[in-house]
PDB file of N, CA and C in Angstrom:
ATOM      1  N   MET A   1      31.212-116.150 -96.207  1.00  0.00           N
ATOM      2  CA  MET A   1      30.785-114.859 -95.568  1.00  0.00           C
ATOM      3  C   MET A   1      30.139-115.266 -94.190  1.00  0.00           C
ATOM      4  N   GLY A   2      30.317-116.382 -93.611  1.00  0.00           N
ATOM      5  CA  GLY A   2      29.860-116.816 -92.291  1.00  0.00           C
ATOM      6  C   GLY A   2      30.423-115.898 -91.183  1.00  0.00           C
ATOM      7  N   GLU A   3      31.467-115.306 -91.400  1.00  0.00           N
ATOM      8  CA  GLU A   3      32.144-114.421 -90.274  1.00  0.00           C
ATOM      9  C   GLU A   3      31.427-113.081 -90.147  1.00  0.00           C
ATOM     10  N   LEU A   4      30.850-112.757 -91.331  1.00  0.00           N
ATOM     11  CA  LEU A   4      30.085-111.511 -91.311  1.00  0.00           C
ATOM     12  C   LEU A   4      28.721-111.555 -90.731  1.00  0.00           C
ATOM     13  N   ASP A   5      28.201-112.799 -90.487  1.00  0.00           N
ATOM     14  CA  ASP A   5      26.810-112.991 -89.977  1.00  0.00           C
ATOM     15  C   ASP A   5      26.752-112.325 -88.568  1.00  0.00           C
ATOM     16  N   SER A   6      27.803-112.521 -87.833  1.00  0.00           N
ATOM     17  CA  SER A   6      27.677-112.065 -86.361  1.00  0.00           C
ATOM     18  C   SER A   6      27.980-110.579 -86.295  1.00  0.00           C
ATOM     19  N   THR A   7      28.645-109.875 -87.267  1.00  0.00           N
ATOM     20  CA  THR A   7      28.835-108.414 -87.269  1.00  0.00           C
ATOM     21  C   THR A   7      27.866-107.719 -87.882  1.00  0.00           C
ATOM     22  N   TYR A   8      27.742-107.826 -89.227  1.00  0.00           N
ATOM     23  CA  TYR A   8      26.770-107.070 -90.096  1.00  0.00           C
ATOM     24  C   TYR A   8      25.257-107.493 -89.879  1.00  0.00           C
ATOM     25  N   GLY A   9      25.096-108.828 -89.449  1.00  0.00           N
ATOM     26  CA  GLY A   9      23.711-109.256 -89.123  1.00  0.00           C
ATOM     27  C   GLY A   9      23.321-108.587 -87.904  1.00  0.00           C
ATOM     28  N   ALA A  10      24.201-108.380 -86.897  1.00  0.00           N
ATOM     29  CA  ALA A  10      23.718-107.686 -85.677  1.00  0.00           C
ATOM     30  C   ALA A  10      23.468-106.214 -85.978  1.00  0.00           C
ATOM     31  N   VAL A  11      24.076-105.556 -86.922  1.00  0.00           N
ATOM     32  CA  VAL A  11      23.769-104.167 -87.381  1.00  0.00           C
ATOM     33  C   VAL A  11      22.389-104.171 -88.011  1.00  0.00           C
ATOM     34  N   LEU A  12      22.180-105.052 -88.913  1.00  0.00           N
ATOM     35  CA  LEU A  12      20.955-105.145 -89.664  1.00  0.00           C
ATOM     36  C   LEU A  12      19.810-105.283 -88.736  1.00  0.00           C
ATOM     37  N   THR A  13      19.937-106.271 -87.727  1.00  0.00           N
ATOM     38  CA  THR A  13      18.907-106.478 -86.765  1.00  0.00           C
ATOM     39  C   THR A  13      18.595-105.215 -85.988  1.00  0.00           C
ATOM     40  N   GLY A  14      19.770-104.557 -85.572  1.00  0.00           N
ATOM     41  CA  GLY A  14      19.507-103.303 -84.904  1.00  0.00           C
ATOM     42  C   GLY A  14      18.729-102.316 -85.601  1.00  0.00           C
ATOM     43  N   VAL A  15      19.040-102.153 -86.903  1.00  0.00           N
ATOM     44  CA  VAL A  15      18.340-101.310 -87.770  1.00  0.00           C
ATOM     45  C   VAL A  15      16.849-101.691 -87.808  1.00  0.00           C
ATOM     46  N   TYR A  16      16.626-102.975 -87.924  1.00  0.00           N
ATOM     47  CA  TYR A  16      15.194-103.498 -87.931  1.00  0.00           C
ATOM     48  C   TYR A  16      14.386-102.950 -86.779  1.00  0.00           C
ATOM     49  N   ILE A  17      15.113-103.142 -85.609  1.00  0.00           N
ATOM     50  CA  ILE A  17      14.392-102.808 -84.302  1.00  0.00           C
ATOM     51  C   ILE A  17      14.187-101.218 -84.226  1.00  0.00           C
ATOM     52  N   SER A  18      15.251-100.554 -84.684  1.00  0.00           N
ATOM     53  CA  SER A  18      15.099 -99.094 -84.810  1.00  0.00           C
ATOM     54  C   SER A  18      13.978 -98.614 -85.724  1.00  0.00           C
ATOM     55  N   VAL A  19      13.708 -99.286 -86.768  1.00  0.00           N
ATOM     56  CA  VAL A  19      12.694 -98.978 -87.586  1.00  0.00           C
ATOM     57  C   VAL A  19      11.242 -99.138 -87.029  1.00  0.00           C
ATOM     58  N   ILE A  20      11.147-100.310 -86.301  1.00  0.00           N
ATOM     59  CA  ILE A  20       9.948-100.477 -85.512  1.00  0.00           C
ATOM     60  C   ILE A  20       9.657 -99.511 -84.451  1.00  0.00           C
ATOM     61  N   LEU A  21      10.749 -99.142 -83.755  1.00  0.00           N
ATOM     62  CA  LEU A  21      10.585 -98.084 -82.678  1.00  0.00           C
ATOM     63  C   LEU A  21      10.399 -96.599 -83.370  1.00  0.00           C
ATOM     64  N   TYR A  22      10.962 -96.460 -84.495  1.00  0.00           N
ATOM     65  CA  TYR A  22      10.663 -95.201 -85.330  1.00  0.00           C
ATOM     66  C   TYR A  22       9.230 -94.994 -85.538  1.00  0.00           C
ATOM     67  N   GLY A  23       8.608 -96.252 -85.970  1.00  0.00           N
ATOM     68  CA  GLY A  23       7.133 -96.223 -86.238  1.00  0.00           C
ATOM     69  C   GLY A  23       6.307 -95.900 -84.921  1.00  0.00           C
ATOM     70  N   VAL A  24       6.683 -96.398 -83.927  1.00  0.00           N
ATOM     71  CA  VAL A  24       6.008 -96.120 -82.624  1.00  0.00           C
ATOM     72  C   VAL A  24       6.147 -94.598 -82.327  1.00  0.00           C
ATOM     73  N   THR A  25       7.482 -94.018 -82.579  1.00  0.00           N
ATOM     74  CA  THR A  25       7.644 -92.590 -82.280  1.00  0.00           C
ATOM     75  C   THR A  25       6.708 -91.851 -83.194  1.00  0.00           C
ATOM     76  N   ASN A  26       6.534 -92.127 -84.455  1.00  0.00           N
ATOM     77  CA  ASN A  26       5.784 -91.356 -85.359  1.00  0.00           C
ATOM     78  C   ASN A  26       4.232 -91.366 -84.975  1.00  0.00           C
ATOM     79  N   VAL A  27       3.885 -92.521 -84.495  1.00  0.00           N
ATOM     80  CA  VAL A  27       2.345 -92.674 -83.885  1.00  0.00           C
ATOM     81  C   VAL A  27       2.251 -91.769 -82.580  1.00  0.00           C
ATOM     82  N   GLN A  28       3.201 -91.654 -81.737  1.00  0.00           N
ATOM     83  CA  GLN A  28       3.346 -90.862 -80.704  1.00  0.00           C
ATOM     84  C   GLN A  28       3.163 -89.394 -80.873  1.00  0.00           C
ATOM     85  N   VAL A  29       4.092 -88.978 -81.816  1.00  0.00           N
ATOM     86  CA  VAL A  29       4.111 -87.530 -82.340  1.00  0.00           C
ATOM     87  C   VAL A  29       2.736 -87.239 -82.957  1.00  0.00           C
ATOM     88  N   PHE A  30       2.135 -88.039 -83.732  1.00  0.00           N
ATOM     89  CA  PHE A  30       0.850 -87.771 -84.299  1.00  0.00           C
ATOM     90  C   PHE A  30      -0.237 -87.472 -83.157  1.00  0.00           C
ATOM     91  N   PHE A  31      -0.231 -88.490 -82.262  1.00  0.00           N
ATOM     92  CA  PHE A  31      -1.324 -88.349 -81.194  1.00  0.00           C
ATOM     93  C   PHE A  31      -0.860 -87.180 -80.273  1.00  0.00           C
ATOM     94  N   TYR A  32       0.340 -86.803 -80.073  1.00  0.00           N
ATOM     95  CA  TYR A  32       0.600 -85.767 -79.276  1.00  0.00           C
ATOM     96  C   TYR A  32       0.028 -84.469 -79.953  1.00  0.00           C
ATOM     97  N   PHE A  33       0.327 -84.165 -81.088  1.00  0.00           N
ATOM     98  CA  PHE A  33      -0.108 -82.962 -81.817  1.00  0.00           C
ATOM     99  C   PHE A  33      -1.561 -82.944 -82.006  1.00  0.00           C
ATOM    100  N   ARG A  34      -2.229 -84.085 -82.071  1.00  0.00           N
ATOM    101  CA  ARG A  34      -3.717 -84.123 -82.199  1.00  0.00           C
ATOM    102  C   ARG A  34      -4.438 -83.884 -80.936  1.00  0.00           C
ATOM    103  N   GLU A  35      -3.891 -84.454 -79.781  1.00  0.00           N
ATOM    104  CA  GLU A  35      -4.621 -84.409 -78.417  1.00  0.00           C
ATOM    105  C   GLU A  35      -4.048 -83.172 -77.653  1.00  0.00           C
ATOM    106  N   TYR A  36      -2.944 -82.814 -77.670  1.00  0.00           N
ATOM    107  CA  TYR A  36      -2.391 -81.720 -76.900  1.00  0.00           C
ATOM    108  C   TYR A  36      -1.959 -80.453 -77.663  1.00  0.00           C
ATOM    109  N   HIS A  37      -2.889 -80.022 -78.489  1.00  0.00           N
ATOM    110  CA  HIS A  37      -2.567 -78.869 -79.341  1.00  0.00           C
ATOM    111  C   HIS A  37      -2.512 -77.456 -78.538  1.00  0.00           C
ATOM    112  N   ASP A  38      -2.945 -77.572 -77.222  1.00  0.00           N
ATOM    113  CA  ASP A  38      -2.993 -76.373 -76.415  1.00  0.00           C
ATOM    114  C   ASP A  38      -1.692 -76.257 -75.614  1.00  0.00           C
ATOM    115  N   ASP A  39      -0.703 -77.220 -75.720  1.00  0.00           N
ATOM    116  CA  ASP A  39       0.466 -77.229 -74.898  1.00  0.00           C
ATOM    117  C   ASP A  39       1.331 -75.908 -75.446  1.00  0.00           C
ATOM    118  N   VAL A  40       2.192 -75.601 -74.396  1.00  0.00           N
ATOM    119  CA  VAL A  40       3.090 -74.362 -74.691  1.00  0.00           C
ATOM    120  C   VAL A  40       3.978 -74.777 -75.909  1.00  0.00           C
ATOM    121  N   ILE A  41       4.529 -73.698 -76.533  1.00  0.00           N
ATOM    122  CA  ILE A  41       5.421 -73.763 -77.715  1.00  0.00           C
ATOM    123  C   ILE A  41       6.688 -74.613 -77.478  1.00  0.00           C
ATOM    124  N   TRP A  42       7.212 -74.500 -76.234  1.00  0.00           N
ATOM    125  CA  TRP A  42       8.352 -75.055 -75.922  1.00  0.00           C
ATOM    126  C   TRP A  42       8.248 -76.619 -75.906  1.00  0.00           C
ATOM    127  N   SER A  43       7.021 -77.158 -75.391  1.00  0.00           N
ATOM    128  CA  SER A  43       6.918 -78.575 -75.519  1.00  0.00           C
ATOM    129  C   SER A  43       6.795 -78.960 -76.887  1.00  0.00           C
ATOM    130  N   LYS A  44       6.065 -78.332 -77.737  1.00  0.00           N
ATOM    131  CA  LYS A  44       5.832 -78.656 -79.168  1.00  0.00           C
ATOM    132  C   LYS A  44       7.288 -78.740 -79.919  1.00  0.00           C
ATOM    133  N   LEU A  45       8.010 -77.632 -79.614  1.00  0.00           N
ATOM    134  CA  LEU A  45       9.317 -77.507 -80.212  1.00  0.00           C
ATOM    135  C   LEU A  45      10.203 -78.745 -79.826  1.00  0.00           C
ATOM    136  N   SER A  46      10.210 -79.042 -78.590  1.00  0.00           N
ATOM    137  CA  SER A  46      11.056 -80.152 -78.049  1.00  0.00           C
ATOM    138  C   SER A  46      10.606 -81.576 -78.731  1.00  0.00           C
ATOM    139  N   VAL A  47       9.260 -81.622 -78.942  1.00  0.00           N
ATOM    140  CA  VAL A  47       8.738 -82.939 -79.583  1.00  0.00           C
ATOM    141  C   VAL A  47       9.277 -82.905 -81.096  1.00  0.00           C
ATOM    142  N   ILE A  48       9.207 -81.807 -81.742  1.00  0.00           N
ATOM    143  CA  ILE A  48       9.593 -81.789 -83.054  1.00  0.00           C
ATOM    144  C   ILE A  48      10.994 -81.919 -83.167  1.00  0.00           C
ATOM    145  N   TRP A  49      11.789 -81.437 -82.375  1.00  0.00           N
ATOM    146  CA  TRP A  49      13.252 -81.550 -82.358  1.00  0.00           C
ATOM    147  C   TRP A  49      13.711 -83.000 -82.092  1.00  0.00           C
ATOM    148  N   LEU A  50      13.141 -83.558 -81.237  1.00  0.00           N
ATOM    149  CA  LEU A  50      13.419 -84.998 -81.009  1.00  0.00           C
ATOM    150  C   LEU A  50      12.960 -85.847 -82.253  1.00  0.00           C
ATOM    151  N   TRP A  51      11.840 -85.504 -82.695  1.00  0.00           N
ATOM    152  CA  TRP A  51      11.487 -86.311 -84.013  1.00  0.00           C
ATOM    153  C   TRP A  51      12.361 -86.034 -85.109  1.00  0.00           C
ATOM    154  N   ILE A  52      12.863 -84.925 -85.285  1.00  0.00           N
ATOM    155  CA  ILE A  52      13.960 -84.612 -86.441  1.00  0.00           C
ATOM    156  C   ILE A  52      15.082 -85.428 -86.051  1.00  0.00           C
ATOM    157  N   LEU A  53      15.711 -85.466 -84.825  1.00  0.00           N
ATOM    158  CA  LEU A  53      16.823 -86.283 -84.546  1.00  0.00           C
ATOM    159  C   LEU A  53      16.729 -87.733 -84.792  1.00  0.00           C
ATOM    160  N   ASP A  54      15.520 -88.152 -84.491  1.00  0.00           N
ATOM    161  CA  ASP A  54      15.246 -89.568 -84.642  1.00  0.00           C
ATOM    162  C   ASP A  54      15.119 -89.966 -86.199  1.00  0.00           C
ATOM    163  N   THR A  55      14.612 -89.023 -87.004  1.00  0.00           N
ATOM    164  CA  THR A  55      14.515 -89.171 -88.357  1.00  0.00           C
ATOM    165  C   THR A  55      15.940 -89.120 -88.955  1.00  0.00           C
ATOM    166  N   LEU A  56      16.827 -88.207 -88.508  1.00  0.00           N
ATOM    167  CA  LEU A  56      18.100 -88.111 -89.033  1.00  0.00           C
ATOM    168  C   LEU A  56      18.901 -89.465 -88.647  1.00  0.00           C
ATOM    169  N   HIS A  57      18.668 -90.004 -87.490  1.00  0.00           N
ATOM    170  CA  HIS A  57      19.278 -91.379 -87.154  1.00  0.00           C
ATOM    171  C   HIS A  57      18.827 -92.432 -88.087  1.00  0.00           C
ATOM    172  N   MET A  58      17.648 -92.505 -88.417  1.00  0.00           N
ATOM    173  CA  MET A  58      17.178 -93.478 -89.291  1.00  0.00           C
ATOM    174  C   MET A  58      17.730 -93.363 -90.724  1.00  0.00           C
ATOM    175  N   ILE A  59      17.808 -92.208 -91.139  1.00  0.00           N
ATOM    176  CA  ILE A  59      18.495 -91.934 -92.484  1.00  0.00           C
ATOM    177  C   ILE A  59      19.959 -92.398 -92.516  1.00  0.00           C
ATOM    178  N   LEU A  60      20.700 -92.049 -91.522  1.00  0.00           N
ATOM    179  CA  LEU A  60      22.153 -92.283 -91.400  1.00  0.00           C
ATOM    180  C   LEU A  60      22.252 -93.831 -91.219  1.00  0.00           C
ATOM    181  N   SER A  61      21.422 -94.580 -90.508  1.00  0.00           N
ATOM    182  CA  SER A  61      21.454 -95.946 -90.314  1.00  0.00           C
ATOM    183  C   SER A  61      21.140 -96.607 -91.583  1.00  0.00           C
ATOM    184  N   PHE A  62      20.153 -96.257 -92.202  1.00  0.00           N
ATOM    185  CA  PHE A  62      19.949 -96.876 -93.580  1.00  0.00           C
ATOM    186  C   PHE A  62      20.902 -96.702 -94.556  1.00  0.00           C
ATOM    187  N   HIS A  63      21.599 -95.510 -94.681  1.00  0.00           N
ATOM    188  CA  HIS A  63      22.632 -95.323 -95.539  1.00  0.00           C
ATOM    189  C   HIS A  63      23.791 -96.273 -95.154  1.00  0.00           C
ATOM    190  N   ALA A  64      24.263 -96.352 -93.876  1.00  0.00           N
ATOM    191  CA  ALA A  64      25.284 -97.278 -93.603  1.00  0.00           C
ATOM    192  C   ALA A  64      25.123 -98.688 -93.841  1.00  0.00           C
ATOM    193  N   VAL A  65      23.907 -99.207 -93.512  1.00  0.00           N
ATOM    194  CA  VAL A  65      23.547-100.599 -93.830  1.00  0.00           C
ATOM    195  C   VAL A  65      23.553-100.826 -95.405  1.00  0.00           C
ATOM    196  N   TYR A  66      22.906 -99.948 -96.134  1.00  0.00           N
ATOM    197  CA  TYR A  66      22.941-100.058 -97.445  1.00  0.00           C
ATOM    198  C   TYR A  66      24.339-100.044 -98.099  1.00  0.00           C
ATOM    199  N   TRP A  67      25.224 -99.203 -97.722  1.00  0.00           N
ATOM    200  CA  TRP A  67      26.505 -99.006 -98.257  1.00  0.00           C
ATOM    201  C   TRP A  67      27.293-100.444 -98.008  1.00  0.00           C
ATOM    202  N   TYR A  68      27.069-100.991 -96.676  1.00  0.00           N
ATOM    203  CA  TYR A  68      27.776-102.158 -96.395  1.00  0.00           C
ATOM    204  C   TYR A  68      27.338-103.452 -97.122  1.00  0.00           C
ATOM    205  N   LEU A  69      25.937-103.479 -97.019  1.00  0.00           N
ATOM    206  CA  LEU A  69      25.307-104.823 -97.381  1.00  0.00           C
ATOM    207  C   LEU A  69      24.825-104.871 -98.904  1.00  0.00           C
ATOM    208  N   ILE A  70      24.683-103.625 -99.427  1.00  0.00           N
ATOM    209  CA  ILE A  70      24.114-103.715-100.938  1.00  0.00           C
ATOM    210  C   ILE A  70      25.273-103.217-101.837  1.00  0.00           C
ATOM    211  N   THR A  71      25.748-101.949-101.592  1.00  0.00           N
ATOM    212  CA  THR A  71      26.694-101.307-102.469  1.00  0.00           C
ATOM    213  C   THR A  71      28.023-102.257-102.505  1.00  0.00           C
ATOM    214  N   ASN A  72      28.458-102.595-101.430  1.00  0.00           N
ATOM    215  CA  ASN A  72      29.749-103.341-101.340  1.00  0.00           C
ATOM    216  C   ASN A  72      29.639-104.831-101.113  1.00  0.00           C
ATOM    217  N   PHE A  73      28.553-105.364-101.495  1.00  0.00           N
ATOM    218  CA  PHE A  73      28.262-106.865-101.241  1.00  0.00           C
ATOM    219  C   PHE A  73      29.393-107.645-101.887  1.00  0.00           C
ATOM    220  N   GLY A  74      30.094-108.572-101.262  1.00  0.00           N
ATOM    221  CA  GLY A  74      31.116-109.408-101.833  1.00  0.00           C
ATOM    222  C   GLY A  74      32.378-108.735-101.998  1.00  0.00           C
ATOM    223  N   ASN A  75      32.507-107.381-101.597  1.00  0.00           N
ATOM    224  CA  ASN A  75      33.870-106.761-101.679  1.00  0.00           C
ATOM    225  C   ASN A  75      34.472-106.562-100.318  1.00  0.00           C
ATOM    226  N   SER A  76      35.244-107.537 -99.907  1.00  0.00           N
ATOM    227  CA  SER A  76      35.590-107.646 -98.670  1.00  0.00           C
ATOM    228  C   SER A  76      36.654-106.635 -98.397  1.00  0.00           C
ATOM    229  N   THR A  77      37.354-106.004 -99.230  1.00  0.00           N
ATOM    230  CA  THR A  77      38.358-104.824 -98.884  1.00  0.00           C
ATOM    231  C   THR A  77      37.508-103.582 -98.385  1.00  0.00           C
ATOM    232  N   GLU A  78      36.385-103.258 -99.094  1.00  0.00           N
ATOM    233  CA  GLU A  78      35.596-102.155 -98.566  1.00  0.00           C
ATOM    234  C   GLU A  78      34.842-102.295 -97.328  1.00  0.00           C
ATOM    235  N   LEU A  79      34.624-103.601 -96.967  1.00  0.00           N
ATOM    236  CA  LEU A  79      33.879-103.857 -95.592  1.00  0.00           C
ATOM    237  C   LEU A  79      34.699-103.380 -94.347  1.00  0.00           C
ATOM    238  N   SER A  80      36.068-103.203 -94.432  1.00  0.00           N
ATOM    239  CA  SER A  80      36.863-102.795 -93.469  1.00  0.00           C
ATOM    240  C   SER A  80      36.740-101.312 -93.296  1.00  0.00           C
ATOM    241  N   ILE A  81      36.401-100.508 -94.180  1.00  0.00           N
ATOM    242  CA  ILE A  81      36.353 -99.135 -94.070  1.00  0.00           C
ATOM    243  C   ILE A  81      35.152 -98.626 -93.247  1.00  0.00           C
ATOM    244  N   VAL A  82      35.134 -97.683 -92.598  1.00  0.00           N
ATOM    245  CA  VAL A  82      34.170 -96.993 -91.930  1.00  0.00           C
ATOM    246  C   VAL A  82      33.439 -96.016 -92.763  1.00  0.00           C
ATOM    247  N   VAL A  83      32.212 -96.233 -93.220  1.00  0.00           N
ATOM    248  CA  VAL A  83      31.459 -95.184 -93.959  1.00  0.00           C
ATOM    249  C   VAL A  83      31.217 -93.959 -93.230  1.00  0.00           C
ATOM    250  N   TRP A  84      31.063 -92.741 -93.831  1.00  0.00           N
ATOM    251  CA  TRP A  84      30.981 -91.556 -93.227  1.00  0.00           C
ATOM    252  C   TRP A  84      29.552 -91.467 -92.436  1.00  0.00           C
ATOM    253  N   SER A  85      28.521 -92.077 -92.899  1.00  0.00           N
ATOM    254  CA  SER A  85      27.304 -91.964 -92.224  1.00  0.00           C
ATOM    255  C   SER A  85      27.360 -92.726 -90.922  1.00  0.00           C
ATOM    256  N   PHE A  86      28.224 -93.621 -90.830  1.00  0.00           N
ATOM    257  CA  PHE A  86      28.403 -94.310 -89.471  1.00  0.00           C
ATOM    258  C   PHE A  86      29.258 -93.618 -88.480  1.00  0.00           C
ATOM    259  N   LYS A  87      29.946 -92.647 -88.979  1.00  0.00           N
ATOM    260  CA  LYS A  87      30.818 -91.861 -88.146  1.00  0.00           C
ATOM    261  C   LYS A  87      30.274 -90.445 -87.684  1.00  0.00           C
ATOM    262  N   VAL A  88      29.119 -90.016 -88.239  1.00  0.00           N
ATOM    263  CA  VAL A  88      28.504 -88.780 -88.048  1.00  0.00           C
ATOM    264  C   VAL A  88      28.429 -88.495 -86.656  1.00  0.00           C
ATOM    265  N   TRP A  89      27.635 -89.302 -85.877  1.00  0.00           N
ATOM    266  CA  TRP A  89      27.360 -88.983 -84.524  1.00  0.00           C
ATOM    267  C   TRP A  89      28.573 -89.020 -83.499  1.00  0.00           C
ATOM    268  N   ARG A  90      29.506 -89.823 -83.990  1.00  0.00           N
ATOM    269  CA  ARG A  90      30.803 -89.858 -82.988  1.00  0.00           C
ATOM    270  C   ARG A  90      31.624 -88.655 -83.248  1.00  0.00           C
ATOM    271  N   ASN A  91      31.661 -88.009 -84.422  1.00  0.00           N
ATOM    272  CA  ASN A  91      32.364 -86.828 -84.451  1.00  0.00           C
ATOM    273  C   ASN A  91      31.997 -85.540 -83.889  1.00  0.00           C
ATOM    274  N   GLN A  92      30.737 -85.529 -83.442  1.00  0.00           N
ATOM    275  CA  GLN A  92      30.197 -84.345 -82.771  1.00  0.00           C
ATOM    276  C   GLN A  92      30.643 -84.366 -81.484  1.00  0.00           C
TER     277      GLN A  92
END
């Protein structure tokens, strides 16, 4: 499985970095709503919308990584298939 280290290892590292940045986003959203509760509704809605999109991105990333690295571990024929959660953003 040495040849998979450079492909799926990069995807897993990217998801790890995304999780860290998602944590930073959660802290920022928490402090925004705690400190700027008097902002106009459009600002609050845009923050909520971006947080929802970031959460959806994390869910789809986790699903794709889980499908490739856990569900189909050692099944090299399935590793060439692009899972649906990996294609969701591209189809829009």
